[in-house]
PDB file of N, CA and C in Angstrom:
ATOM      1  N   MET A   1     -28.303  -1.774   3.406  1.00  0.00           N
ATOM      2  CA  MET A   1     -28.333  -1.914   4.881  1.00  0.00           C
ATOM      3  C   MET A   1     -27.680  -0.673   5.456  1.00  0.00           C
ATOM      4  N   ARG A   2     -28.377  -0.098   6.447  1.00  0.00           N
ATOM      5  CA  ARG A   2     -27.849   1.069   7.088  1.00  0.00           C
ATOM      6  C   ARG A   2     -27.422   0.793   8.557  1.00  0.00           C
ATOM      7  N   ASP A   3     -28.402   0.231   9.307  1.00  0.00           N
ATOM      8  CA  ASP A   3     -28.226   0.039  10.725  1.00  0.00           C
ATOM      9  C   ASP A   3     -27.868  -1.460  10.993  1.00  0.00           C
ATOM     10  N   VAL A   4     -27.044  -1.661  11.968  1.00  0.00           N
ATOM     11  CA  VAL A   4     -26.771  -3.045  12.438  1.00  0.00           C
ATOM     12  C   VAL A   4     -27.415  -3.196  13.783  1.00  0.00           C
ATOM     13  N   ASN A   5     -28.299  -4.175  13.895  1.00  0.00           N
ATOM     14  CA  ASN A   5     -28.977  -4.488  15.121  1.00  0.00           C
ATOM     15  C   ASN A   5     -28.392  -5.718  15.759  1.00  0.00           C
ATOM     16  N   PHE A   6     -28.514  -5.857  17.064  1.00  0.00           N
ATOM     17  CA  PHE A   6     -27.927  -7.028  17.771  1.00  0.00           C
ATOM     18  C   PHE A   6     -28.879  -7.460  18.838  1.00  0.00           C
ATOM     19  N   TRP A   7     -28.770  -8.744  19.225  1.00  0.00           N
ATOM     20  CA  TRP A   7     -29.423  -9.333  20.429  1.00  0.00           C
ATOM     21  C   TRP A   7     -28.885 -10.668  20.662  1.00  0.00           C
ATOM     22  N   GLY A   8     -28.987 -11.236  21.838  1.00  0.00           N
ATOM     23  CA  GLY A   8     -28.540 -12.581  22.171  1.00  0.00           C
ATOM     24  C   GLY A   8     -27.451 -12.518  23.201  1.00  0.00           C
ATOM     25  N   THR A   9     -26.671 -13.644  23.147  1.00  0.00           N
ATOM     26  CA  THR A   9     -25.580 -13.820  24.144  1.00  0.00           C
ATOM     27  C   THR A   9     -24.462 -12.794  23.817  1.00  0.00           C
ATOM     28  N   ASN A  10     -23.812 -12.303  24.868  1.00  0.00           N
ATOM     29  CA  ASN A  10     -22.811 -11.254  24.735  1.00  0.00           C
ATOM     30  C   ASN A  10     -21.717 -11.418  25.692  1.00  0.00           C
ATOM     31  N   THR A  11     -21.210 -12.667  25.980  1.00  0.00           N
ATOM     32  CA  THR A  11     -20.226 -12.949  26.975  1.00  0.00           C
ATOM     33  C   THR A  11     -18.873 -12.362  26.575  1.00  0.00           C
ATOM     34  N   ASN A  12     -18.593 -12.137  25.316  1.00  0.00           N
ATOM     35  CA  ASN A  12     -17.313 -11.591  24.879  1.00  0.00           C
ATOM     36  C   ASN A  12     -17.380 -10.225  24.234  1.00  0.00           C
ATOM     37  N   GLY A  13     -18.522  -9.541  24.376  1.00  0.00           N
ATOM     38  CA  GLY A  13     -18.740  -8.287  23.772  1.00  0.00           C
ATOM     39  C   GLY A  13     -19.074  -8.350  22.276  1.00  0.00           C
ATOM     40  N   GLN A  14     -19.472  -9.514  21.815  1.00  0.00           N
ATOM     41  CA  GLN A  14     -19.662  -9.670  20.376  1.00  0.00           C
ATOM     42  C   GLN A  14     -20.909  -8.946  19.838  1.00  0.00           C
ATOM     43  N   LEU A  15     -21.676  -8.346  20.683  1.00  0.00           N
ATOM     44  CA  LEU A  15     -22.824  -7.612  20.163  1.00  0.00           C
ATOM     45  C   LEU A  15     -22.457  -6.105  19.991  1.00  0.00           C
ATOM     46  N   GLY A  16     -21.314  -5.716  20.456  1.00  0.00           N
ATOM     47  CA  GLY A  16     -20.760  -4.343  20.199  1.00  0.00           C
ATOM     48  C   GLY A  16     -21.403  -3.161  20.926  1.00  0.00           C
ATOM     49  N   ASN A  17     -22.114  -3.445  21.999  1.00  0.00           N
ATOM     50  CA  ASN A  17     -22.816  -2.326  22.673  1.00  0.00           C
ATOM     51  C   ASN A  17     -22.000  -1.733  23.840  1.00  0.00           C
ATOM     52  N   GLY A  18     -20.718  -2.161  23.923  1.00  0.00           N
ATOM     53  CA  GLY A  18     -19.838  -1.574  24.979  1.00  0.00           C
ATOM     54  C   GLY A  18     -19.901  -2.309  26.295  1.00  0.00           C
ATOM     55  N   SER A  19     -20.597  -3.413  26.386  1.00  0.00           N
ATOM     56  CA  SER A  19     -20.707  -4.184  27.667  1.00  0.00           C
ATOM     57  C   SER A  19     -20.750  -5.629  27.297  1.00  0.00           C
ATOM     58  N   VAL A  20     -20.852  -6.408  28.363  1.00  0.00           N
ATOM     59  CA  VAL A  20     -21.082  -7.854  28.272  1.00  0.00           C
ATOM     60  C   VAL A  20     -22.385  -8.155  28.970  1.00  0.00           C
ATOM     61  N   GLY A  21     -23.048  -9.239  28.563  1.00  0.00           N
ATOM     62  CA  GLY A  21     -24.331  -9.607  29.142  1.00  0.00           C
ATOM     63  C   GLY A  21     -25.412  -9.625  28.034  1.00  0.00           C
ATOM     64  N   GLY A  22     -26.263 -10.619  28.097  1.00  0.00           N
ATOM     65  CA  GLY A  22     -27.225 -10.857  27.056  1.00  0.00           C
ATOM     66  C   GLY A  22     -28.225  -9.723  26.831  1.00  0.00           C
ATOM     67  N   ILE A  23     -28.671  -9.632  25.585  1.00  0.00           N
ATOM     68  CA  ILE A  23     -29.707  -8.616  25.190  1.00  0.00           C
ATOM     69  C   ILE A  23     -30.875  -9.407  24.563  1.00  0.00           C
ATOM     70  N   GLU A  24     -32.072  -9.055  25.077  1.00  0.00           N
ATOM     71  CA  GLU A  24     -33.233  -9.866  24.628  1.00  0.00           C
ATOM     72  C   GLU A  24     -33.992  -9.235  23.442  1.00  0.00           C
ATOM     73  N   LEU A  25     -33.832  -7.928  23.206  1.00  0.00           N
ATOM     74  CA  LEU A  25     -34.571  -7.269  22.115  1.00  0.00           C
ATOM     75  C   LEU A  25     -33.570  -6.640  21.189  1.00  0.00           C
ATOM     76  N   PRO A  26     -33.863  -6.533  19.868  1.00  0.00           N
ATOM     77  CA  PRO A  26     -33.000  -5.928  18.893  1.00  0.00           C
ATOM     78  C   PRO A  26     -32.641  -4.460  19.319  1.00  0.00           C
ATOM     79  N   SER A  27     -31.391  -4.132  19.228  1.00  0.00           N
ATOM     80  CA  SER A  27     -30.874  -2.809  19.518  1.00  0.00           C
ATOM     81  C   SER A  27     -29.824  -2.454  18.501  1.00  0.00           C
ATOM     82  N   LEU A  28     -29.546  -1.141  18.270  1.00  0.00           N
ATOM     83  CA  LEU A  28     -28.553  -0.699  17.346  1.00  0.00           C
ATOM     84  C   LEU A  28     -27.144  -0.844  17.950  1.00  0.00           C
ATOM     85  N   VAL A  29     -26.135  -1.189  17.116  1.00  0.00           N
ATOM     86  CA  VAL A  29     -24.818  -1.195  17.533  1.00  0.00           C
ATOM     87  C   VAL A  29     -24.353   0.290  17.553  1.00  0.00           C
ATOM     88  N   PRO A  30     -23.912   0.832  18.670  1.00  0.00           N
ATOM     89  CA  PRO A  30     -23.408   2.200  18.671  1.00  0.00           C
ATOM     90  C   PRO A  30     -22.063   2.243  18.135  1.00  0.00           C
ATOM     91  N   GLY A  31     -21.640   3.391  17.601  1.00  0.00           N
ATOM     92  CA  GLY A  31     -20.284   3.505  17.032  1.00  0.00           C
ATOM     93  C   GLY A  31     -20.142   3.223  15.569  1.00  0.00           C
ATOM     94  N   LEU A  32     -21.175   2.818  14.898  1.00  0.00           N
ATOM     95  CA  LEU A  32     -21.153   2.596  13.477  1.00  0.00           C
ATOM     96  C   LEU A  32     -21.918   3.724  12.770  1.00  0.00           C
ATOM     97  N   SER A  33     -21.263   4.870  12.522  1.00  0.00           N
ATOM     98  CA  SER A  33     -21.992   6.019  12.060  1.00  0.00           C
ATOM     99  C   SER A  33     -22.163   6.095  10.541  1.00  0.00           C
ATOM    100  N   THR A  34     -21.404   5.313   9.791  1.00  0.00           N
ATOM    101  CA  THR A  34     -21.627   5.340   8.324  1.00  0.00           C
ATOM    102  C   THR A  34     -22.494   4.270   7.901  1.00  0.00           C
ATOM    103  N   LYS A  35     -22.900   4.297   6.608  1.00  0.00           N
ATOM    104  CA  LYS A  35     -23.774   3.275   6.032  1.00  0.00           C
ATOM    105  C   LYS A  35     -22.983   1.887   6.014  1.00  0.00           C
ATOM    106  N   ILE A  36     -23.544   0.883   6.636  1.00  0.00           N
ATOM    107  CA  ILE A  36     -22.997  -0.429   6.707  1.00  0.00           C
ATOM    108  C   ILE A  36     -23.583  -1.223   5.514  1.00  0.00           C
ATOM    109  N   ILE A  37     -22.675  -1.852   4.731  1.00  0.00           N
ATOM    110  CA  ILE A  37     -23.138  -2.522   3.553  1.00  0.00           C
ATOM    111  C   ILE A  37     -22.956  -4.062   3.682  1.00  0.00           C
ATOM    112  N   ASP A  38     -22.203  -4.557   4.664  1.00  0.00           N
ATOM    113  CA  ASP A  38     -22.017  -5.982   4.841  1.00  0.00           C
ATOM    114  C   ASP A  38     -21.663  -6.274   6.329  1.00  0.00           C
ATOM    115  N   ILE A  39     -22.070  -7.403   6.790  1.00  0.00           N
ATOM    116  CA  ILE A  39     -21.713  -7.811   8.163  1.00  0.00           C
ATOM    117  C   ILE A  39     -21.307  -9.292   8.092  1.00  0.00           C
ATOM    118  N   ALA A  40     -20.518  -9.660   9.125  1.00  0.00           N
ATOM    119  CA  ALA A  40     -20.100 -11.095   9.182  1.00  0.00           C
ATOM    120  C   ALA A  40     -19.954 -11.362  10.662  1.00  0.00           C
ATOM    121  N   ALA A  41     -20.201 -12.691  11.080  1.00  0.00           N
ATOM    122  CA  ALA A  41     -20.085 -13.072  12.466  1.00  0.00           C
ATOM    123  C   ALA A  41     -19.334 -14.383  12.553  1.00  0.00           C
ATOM    124  N   GLY A  42     -18.450 -14.490  13.545  1.00  0.00           N
ATOM    125  CA  GLY A  42     -17.772 -15.734  13.845  1.00  0.00           C
ATOM    126  C   GLY A  42     -18.397 -16.311  15.092  1.00  0.00           C
ATOM    127  N   ALA A  43     -17.649 -17.173  15.765  1.00  0.00           N
ATOM    128  CA  ALA A  43     -18.147 -17.858  16.910  1.00  0.00           C
ATOM    129  C   ALA A  43     -18.582 -16.911  18.047  1.00  0.00           C
ATOM    130  N   ALA A  44     -17.816 -15.890  18.354  1.00  0.00           N
ATOM    131  CA  ALA A  44     -18.179 -14.951  19.405  1.00  0.00           C
ATOM    132  C   ALA A  44     -17.621 -13.542  19.072  1.00  0.00           C
ATOM    133  N   PHE A  45     -17.594 -13.201  17.767  1.00  0.00           N
ATOM    134  CA  PHE A  45     -17.182 -11.895  17.326  1.00  0.00           C
ATOM    135  C   PHE A  45     -17.945 -11.512  16.089  1.00  0.00           C
ATOM    136  N   SER A  46     -17.868 -10.172  15.850  1.00  0.00           N
ATOM    137  CA  SER A  46     -18.603  -9.622  14.675  1.00  0.00           C
ATOM    138  C   SER A  46     -17.755  -8.661  13.923  1.00  0.00           C
ATOM    139  N   ALA A  47     -18.057  -8.449  12.705  1.00  0.00           N
ATOM    140  CA  ALA A  47     -17.397  -7.450  11.792  1.00  0.00           C
ATOM    141  C   ALA A  47     -18.401  -6.758  10.910  1.00  0.00           C
ATOM    142  N   ALA A  48     -18.151  -5.575  10.558  1.00  0.00           N
ATOM    143  CA  ALA A  48     -19.007  -4.775   9.680  1.00  0.00           C
ATOM    144  C   ALA A  48     -18.136  -4.043   8.677  1.00  0.00           C
ATOM    145  N   LEU A  49     -18.687  -3.867   7.383  1.00  0.00           N
ATOM    146  CA  LEU A  49     -18.017  -3.172   6.329  1.00  0.00           C
ATOM    147  C   LEU A  49     -18.880  -2.019   5.973  1.00  0.00           C
ATOM    148  N   ASP A  50     -18.292  -0.809   5.926  1.00  0.00           N
ATOM    149  CA  ASP A  50     -19.074   0.322   5.528  1.00  0.00           C
ATOM    150  C   ASP A  50     -18.954   0.684   4.077  1.00  0.00           C
ATOM    151  N   GLU A  51     -19.694   1.683   3.680  1.00  0.00           N
ATOM    152  CA  GLU A  51     -19.763   2.071   2.257  1.00  0.00           C
ATOM    153  C   GLU A  51     -18.441   2.586   1.702  1.00  0.00           C
ATOM    154  N   PHE A  52     -17.491   2.929   2.520  1.00  0.00           N
ATOM    155  CA  PHE A  52     -16.194   3.416   2.070  1.00  0.00           C
ATOM    156  C   PHE A  52     -15.146   2.336   2.108  1.00  0.00           C
ATOM    157  N   GLY A  53     -15.490   1.075   2.452  1.00  0.00           N
ATOM    158  CA  GLY A  53     -14.632  -0.044   2.543  1.00  0.00           C
ATOM    159  C   GLY A  53     -13.817  -0.135   3.796  1.00  0.00           C
ATOM    160  N   ALA A  54     -14.268   0.565   4.849  1.00  0.00           N
ATOM    161  CA  ALA A  54     -13.632   0.448   6.176  1.00  0.00           C
ATOM    162  C   ALA A  54     -14.257  -0.739   6.846  1.00  0.00           C
ATOM    163  N   VAL A  55     -13.477  -1.468   7.689  1.00  0.00           N
ATOM    164  CA  VAL A  55     -13.954  -2.582   8.418  1.00  0.00           C
ATOM    165  C   VAL A  55     -13.838  -2.335   9.938  1.00  0.00           C
ATOM    166  N   TYR A  56     -14.897  -2.669  10.648  1.00  0.00           N
ATOM    167  CA  TYR A  56     -14.974  -2.534  12.086  1.00  0.00           C
ATOM    168  C   TYR A  56     -15.164  -3.912  12.688  1.00  0.00           C
ATOM    169  N   VAL A  57     -14.491  -4.189  13.832  1.00  0.00           N
ATOM    170  CA  VAL A  57     -14.563  -5.521  14.425  1.00  0.00           C
ATOM    171  C   VAL A  57     -14.805  -5.371  15.928  1.00  0.00           C
ATOM    172  N   TRP A  58     -15.438  -6.427  16.545  1.00  0.00           N
ATOM    173  CA  TRP A  58     -15.591  -6.407  17.980  1.00  0.00           C
ATOM    174  C   TRP A  58     -15.952  -7.788  18.447  1.00  0.00           C
ATOM    175  N   GLY A  59     -15.779  -8.047  19.726  1.00  0.00           N
ATOM    176  CA  GLY A  59     -16.084  -9.341  20.351  1.00  0.00           C
ATOM    177  C   GLY A  59     -14.857 -10.098  20.768  1.00  0.00           C
ATOM    178  N   SER A  60     -14.940 -11.409  20.813  1.00  0.00           N
ATOM    179  CA  SER A  60     -13.858 -12.285  21.240  1.00  0.00           C
ATOM    180  C   SER A  60     -12.643 -12.137  20.354  1.00  0.00           C
ATOM    181  N   ASN A  61     -11.481 -12.155  21.013  1.00  0.00           N
ATOM    182  CA  ASN A  61     -10.177 -11.999  20.269  1.00  0.00           C
ATOM    183  C   ASN A  61      -9.135 -12.906  20.848  1.00  0.00           C
ATOM    184  N   ASP A  62      -9.591 -14.067  21.422  1.00  0.00           N
ATOM    185  CA  ASP A  62      -8.583 -14.994  22.079  1.00  0.00           C
ATOM    186  C   ASP A  62      -7.652 -15.636  21.110  1.00  0.00           C
ATOM    187  N   HIS A  63      -7.952 -15.625  19.822  1.00  0.00           N
ATOM    188  CA  HIS A  63      -6.998 -16.175  18.834  1.00  0.00           C
ATOM    189  C   HIS A  63      -6.500 -15.100  17.900  1.00  0.00           C
ATOM    190  N   GLY A  64      -6.721 -13.890  18.218  1.00  0.00           N
ATOM    191  CA  GLY A  64      -6.292 -12.744  17.315  1.00  0.00           C
ATOM    192  C   GLY A  64      -7.216 -12.595  16.143  1.00  0.00           C
ATOM    193  N   GLN A  65      -8.447 -13.150  16.198  1.00  0.00           N
ATOM    194  CA  GLN A  65      -9.241 -13.132  15.060  1.00  0.00           C
ATOM    195  C   GLN A  65      -9.768 -11.751  14.682  1.00  0.00           C
ATOM    196  N   LEU A  66      -9.661 -10.733  15.536  1.00  0.00           N
ATOM    197  CA  LEU A  66     -10.059  -9.443  15.204  1.00  0.00           C
ATOM    198  C   LEU A  66      -9.021  -8.699  14.347  1.00  0.00           C
ATOM    199  N   GLY A  67      -7.771  -9.254  14.349  1.00  0.00           N
ATOM    200  CA  GLY A  67      -6.694  -8.644  13.475  1.00  0.00           C
ATOM    201  C   GLY A  67      -6.117  -7.355  13.950  1.00  0.00           C
ATOM    202  N   LEU A  68      -6.240  -7.076  15.286  1.00  0.00           N
ATOM    203  CA  LEU A  68      -5.823  -5.841  15.866  1.00  0.00           C
ATOM    204  C   LEU A  68      -4.456  -5.893  16.495  1.00  0.00           C
ATOM    205  N   GLY A  69      -3.736  -7.073  16.402  1.00  0.00           N
ATOM    206  CA  GLY A  69      -2.421  -7.202  16.902  1.00  0.00           C
ATOM    207  C   GLY A  69      -2.278  -7.547  18.361  1.00  0.00           C
ATOM    208  N   ASP A  70      -3.410  -7.949  18.997  1.00  0.00           N
ATOM    209  CA  ASP A  70      -3.368  -8.355  20.413  1.00  0.00           C
ATOM    210  C   ASP A  70      -4.413  -9.477  20.586  1.00  0.00           C
ATOM    211  N   LEU A  71      -4.606  -9.867  21.856  1.00  0.00           N
ATOM    212  CA  LEU A  71      -5.523 -10.934  22.125  1.00  0.00           C
ATOM    213  C   LEU A  71      -6.643 -10.392  23.094  1.00  0.00           C
ATOM    214  N   SER A  72      -6.916  -9.152  23.076  1.00  0.00           N
ATOM    215  CA  SER A  72      -7.930  -8.526  24.004  1.00  0.00           C
ATOM    216  C   SER A  72      -9.244  -8.480  23.330  1.00  0.00           C
ATOM    217  N   ASP A  73     -10.318  -8.915  24.012  1.00  0.00           N
ATOM    218  CA  ASP A  73     -11.677  -8.783  23.563  1.00  0.00           C
ATOM    219  C   ASP A  73     -12.063  -7.322  23.405  1.00  0.00           C
ATOM    220  N   ARG A  74     -12.959  -7.001  22.544  1.00  0.00           N
ATOM    221  CA  ARG A  74     -13.474  -5.658  22.366  1.00  0.00           C
ATOM    222  C   ARG A  74     -14.983  -5.718  22.490  1.00  0.00           C
ATOM    223  N   SER A  75     -15.590  -4.834  23.294  1.00  0.00           N
ATOM    224  CA  SER A  75     -17.013  -4.813  23.437  1.00  0.00           C
ATOM    225  C   SER A  75     -17.632  -3.707  22.627  1.00  0.00           C
ATOM    226  N   SER A  76     -16.833  -2.906  21.905  1.00  0.00           N
ATOM    227  CA  SER A  76     -17.315  -1.874  20.994  1.00  0.00           C
ATOM    228  C   SER A  76     -16.582  -1.999  19.705  1.00  0.00           C
ATOM    229  N   PRO A  77     -17.157  -1.524  18.600  1.00  0.00           N
ATOM    230  CA  PRO A  77     -16.451  -1.605  17.293  1.00  0.00           C
ATOM    231  C   PRO A  77     -15.143  -0.860  17.322  1.00  0.00           C
ATOM    232  N   SER A  78     -14.069  -1.573  16.782  1.00  0.00           N
ATOM    233  CA  SER A  78     -12.765  -0.967  16.565  1.00  0.00           C
ATOM    234  C   SER A  78     -12.460  -0.972  15.099  1.00  0.00           C
ATOM    235  N   ASN A  79     -11.874   0.098  14.564  1.00  0.00           N
ATOM    236  CA  ASN A  79     -11.549   0.139  13.192  1.00  0.00           C
ATOM    237  C   ASN A  79     -10.387  -0.771  12.891  1.00  0.00           C
ATOM    238  N   LEU A  80     -10.521  -1.692  11.915  1.00  0.00           N
ATOM    239  CA  LEU A  80      -9.467  -2.605  11.543  1.00  0.00           C
ATOM    240  C   LEU A  80      -8.796  -2.112  10.262  1.00  0.00           C
ATOM    241  N   VAL A  81      -9.549  -1.702   9.274  1.00  0.00           N
ATOM    242  CA  VAL A  81      -9.047  -1.295   8.001  1.00  0.00           C
ATOM    243  C   VAL A  81      -9.759   0.001   7.609  1.00  0.00           C
ATOM    244  N   GLY A  82      -8.991   1.075   7.217  1.00  0.00           N
ATOM    245  CA  GLY A  82      -9.569   2.373   6.941  1.00  0.00           C
ATOM    246  C   GLY A  82     -10.340   2.451   5.619  1.00  0.00           C
ATOM    247  N   GLY A  83     -10.160   1.512   4.647  1.00  0.00           N
ATOM    248  CA  GLY A  83     -10.847   1.616   3.406  1.00  0.00           C
ATOM    249  C   GLY A  83     -10.320   0.634   2.406  1.00  0.00           C
ATOM    250  N   GLY A  84     -11.029   0.561   1.309  1.00  0.00           N
ATOM    251  CA  GLY A  84     -10.597  -0.258   0.126  1.00  0.00           C
ATOM    252  C   GLY A  84     -11.016  -1.715   0.206  1.00  0.00           C
ATOM    253  N   ILE A  85     -11.783  -2.120   1.197  1.00  0.00           N
ATOM    254  CA  ILE A  85     -12.291  -3.497   1.280  1.00  0.00           C
ATOM    255  C   ILE A  85     -13.619  -3.585   0.554  1.00  0.00           C
ATOM    256  N   ARG A  86     -13.855  -4.655  -0.189  1.00  0.00           N
ATOM    257  CA  ARG A  86     -15.150  -4.863  -0.884  1.00  0.00           C
ATOM    258  C   ARG A  86     -15.982  -5.956  -0.268  1.00  0.00           C
ATOM    259  N   LYS A  87     -15.372  -6.932   0.421  1.00  0.00           N
ATOM    260  CA  LYS A  87     -16.150  -8.052   0.938  1.00  0.00           C
ATOM    261  C   LYS A  87     -15.515  -8.545   2.247  1.00  0.00           C
ATOM    262  N   ILE A  88     -16.310  -8.981   3.207  1.00  0.00           N
ATOM    263  CA  ILE A  88     -15.817  -9.589   4.457  1.00  0.00           C
ATOM    264  C   ILE A  88     -16.522 -10.878   4.644  1.00  0.00           C
ATOM    265  N   VAL A  89     -15.815 -11.875   5.136  1.00  0.00           N
ATOM    266  CA  VAL A  89     -16.343 -13.172   5.464  1.00  0.00           C
ATOM    267  C   VAL A  89     -15.682 -13.607   6.764  1.00  0.00           C
ATOM    268  N   ALA A  90     -16.513 -14.207   7.696  1.00  0.00           N
ATOM    269  CA  ALA A  90     -15.974 -14.641   8.938  1.00  0.00           C
ATOM    270  C   ALA A  90     -16.196 -16.104   9.115  1.00  0.00           C
ATOM    271  N   GLY A  91     -15.249 -16.844   9.704  1.00  0.00           N
ATOM    272  CA  GLY A  91     -15.348 -18.216  10.071  1.00  0.00           C
ATOM    273  C   GLY A  91     -15.444 -18.287  11.562  1.00  0.00           C
ATOM    274  N   ASN A  92     -15.250 -19.481  12.086  1.00  0.00           N
ATOM    275  CA  ASN A  92     -15.235 -19.702  13.521  1.00  0.00           C
ATOM    276  C   ASN A  92     -14.358 -18.717  14.298  1.00  0.00           C
ATOM    277  N   ASP A  93     -13.091 -18.709  13.936  1.00  0.00           N
ATOM    278  CA  ASP A  93     -12.109 -17.841  14.644  1.00  0.00           C
ATOM    279  C   ASP A  93     -11.209 -17.050  13.665  1.00  0.00           C
ATOM    280  N   HIS A  94     -11.792 -16.633  12.587  1.00  0.00           N
ATOM    281  CA  HIS A  94     -11.012 -15.875  11.563  1.00  0.00           C
ATOM    282  C   HIS A  94     -11.911 -14.997  10.730  1.00  0.00           C
ATOM    283  N   ILE A  95     -11.251 -14.000  10.110  1.00  0.00           N
ATOM    284  CA  ILE A  95     -11.939 -13.075   9.146  1.00  0.00           C
ATOM    285  C   ILE A  95     -11.118 -13.063   7.854  1.00  0.00           C
ATOM    286  N   LEU A  96     -11.828 -13.067   6.721  1.00  0.00           N
ATOM    287  CA  LEU A  96     -11.220 -12.856   5.421  1.00  0.00           C
ATOM    288  C   LEU A  96     -11.737 -11.584   4.786  1.00  0.00           C
ATOM    289  N   LEU A  97     -10.784 -10.806   4.258  1.00  0.00           N
ATOM    290  CA  LEU A  97     -11.134  -9.511   3.611  1.00  0.00           C
ATOM    291  C   LEU A  97     -10.728  -9.594   2.184  1.00  0.00           C
ATOM    292  N   MET A  98     -11.577  -9.050   1.242  1.00  0.00           N
ATOM    293  CA  MET A  98     -11.252  -9.007  -0.146  1.00  0.00           C
ATOM    294  C   MET A  98     -11.188  -7.539  -0.577  1.00  0.00           C
ATOM    295  N   ARG A  99     -10.075  -7.164  -1.233  1.00  0.00           N
ATOM    296  CA  ARG A  99      -9.888  -5.789  -1.743  1.00  0.00           C
ATOM    297  C   ARG A  99     -10.467  -5.756  -3.154  1.00  0.00           C
TER     298      ARG A  99
END
């Protein structure tokens, strides 16, 4: 997998395009410049794992599910972990990372 495409509801920035509001046609997630090898999605947030083991997160963060140390939603990908991750899994309001 190289590119991550998005479409649908975007009330919390979960599509990662830097804005909120629905998208009707597949579009690329900007800001993911390396090869993406895995993706995961929760209730209203998303996460991507790149070929170097870095994790990027965006979307709803009302329960701290993005792991960035605050409760602010993100409408663009933010780097969570710089490397060393092999697998990501997302639940309703949480993310699990495996080294």
